[in-house]
Amino acid sequence: MTDIATATAAALAARREAMAPGPRSMTDLARIVGLRASTLHLQLTGQRPMPAETAAAIRRALPELEELP
């Protein structure tokens, strides 16, 4: 798993627990960033390259990740 994948999973879990607004699952996140869930999974696990635009869209959807390099 990539660094952003680990942080993304943690952020989504925290949102689910807190019932915070916004994406709370990988499916929600994929829909928001405009990808299929399977494509997002492949990018997060490093099996496909993640375009900078996708990483930026993930950070916009999950502001908790903005500090991640």
Protein backbone atom coordinates (compact mmCIF):
# COMPACT_ATOMS: atom_id res chain seq x y z
CA MET A 1 0.00 0.00 0.00
CA THR A 2 1.17 3.49 -0.75
CA ASP A 3 1.49 6.22 1.92
CA ILE A 4 -1.59 7.98 0.62
CA ALA A 5 -3.52 4.67 0.69
CA THR A 6 -2.81 4.11 4.37
CA ALA A 7 -3.72 7.70 5.25
CA THR A 8 -6.84 7.55 3.07
CA ALA A 9 -8.10 4.38 4.74
CA ALA A 10 -7.52 5.92 8.19
CA ALA A 11 -9.30 9.16 7.23
CA LEU A 12 -12.31 7.29 5.84
CA ALA A 13 -12.52 5.10 8.95
CA ALA A 14 -12.40 8.17 11.21
CA ARG A 15 -15.17 9.82 9.17
CA ARG A 16 -17.34 6.70 9.43
CA GLU A 17 -16.86 6.54 13.19
CA ALA A 18 -17.60 10.25 13.62
CA MET A 19 -20.39 10.16 11.00
CA ALA A 20 -18.65 13.20 9.51
CA PRO A 21 -19.96 14.64 6.25
CA GLY A 22 -18.27 13.75 3.00
CA PRO A 23 -16.86 10.45 1.76
CA ARG A 24 -16.84 7.63 4.28
CA SER A 25 -15.94 4.70 2.02
CA MET A 26 -13.66 4.00 -0.92
CA THR A 27 -16.76 3.80 -3.11
CA ASP A 28 -17.84 7.29 -1.96
CA LEU A 29 -14.34 8.61 -2.54
CA ALA A 30 -14.08 7.04 -6.00
CA ARG A 31 -17.39 8.63 -7.02
CA ILE A 32 -16.26 12.05 -5.78
CA VAL A 33 -12.89 11.94 -7.58
CA GLY A 34 -14.49 10.59 -10.76
CA LEU A 35 -13.02 7.09 -10.85
CA ARG A 36 -14.33 3.55 -10.65
CA ALA A 37 -13.69 2.03 -7.22
CA SER A 38 -11.50 -0.66 -8.80
CA THR A 39 -9.32 1.95 -10.51
CA LEU A 40 -8.92 3.91 -7.29
CA HIS A 41 -7.97 0.71 -5.47
CA LEU A 42 -5.30 -0.13 -8.06
CA GLN A 43 -3.85 3.38 -7.82
CA LEU A 44 -3.85 3.43 -4.02
CA THR A 45 -2.14 0.04 -3.82
CA GLY A 46 0.52 1.09 -6.31
CA GLN A 47 -0.55 -1.41 -8.97
CA ARG A 48 -1.24 1.50 -11.32
CA PRO A 49 0.35 4.94 -11.30
CA MET A 50 -1.67 7.66 -9.61
CA PRO A 51 -1.86 10.87 -11.64
CA ALA A 52 -1.15 14.05 -9.69
CA GLU A 53 -4.67 15.23 -10.51
CA THR A 54 -6.14 12.18 -8.74
CA ALA A 55 -3.97 12.70 -5.67
CA ALA A 56 -5.05 16.36 -5.58
CA ALA A 57 -8.73 15.37 -5.89
CA ILE A 58 -8.35 12.91 -3.01
CA ARG A 59 -6.76 15.63 -0.87
CA ARG A 60 -9.62 18.02 -1.70
CA ALA A 61 -12.18 15.37 -0.74
CA LEU A 62 -10.29 14.45 2.44
CA PRO A 63 -8.68 17.61 3.86
CA GLU A 64 -7.18 15.43 6.62
CA LEU A 65 -4.61 14.30 4.02
CA GLU A 66 -3.34 17.74 3.01
CA GLU A 67 -0.28 17.41 5.26
CA LEU A 68 0.74 14.13 3.61
CA PRO A 69 3.68 14.54 1.19
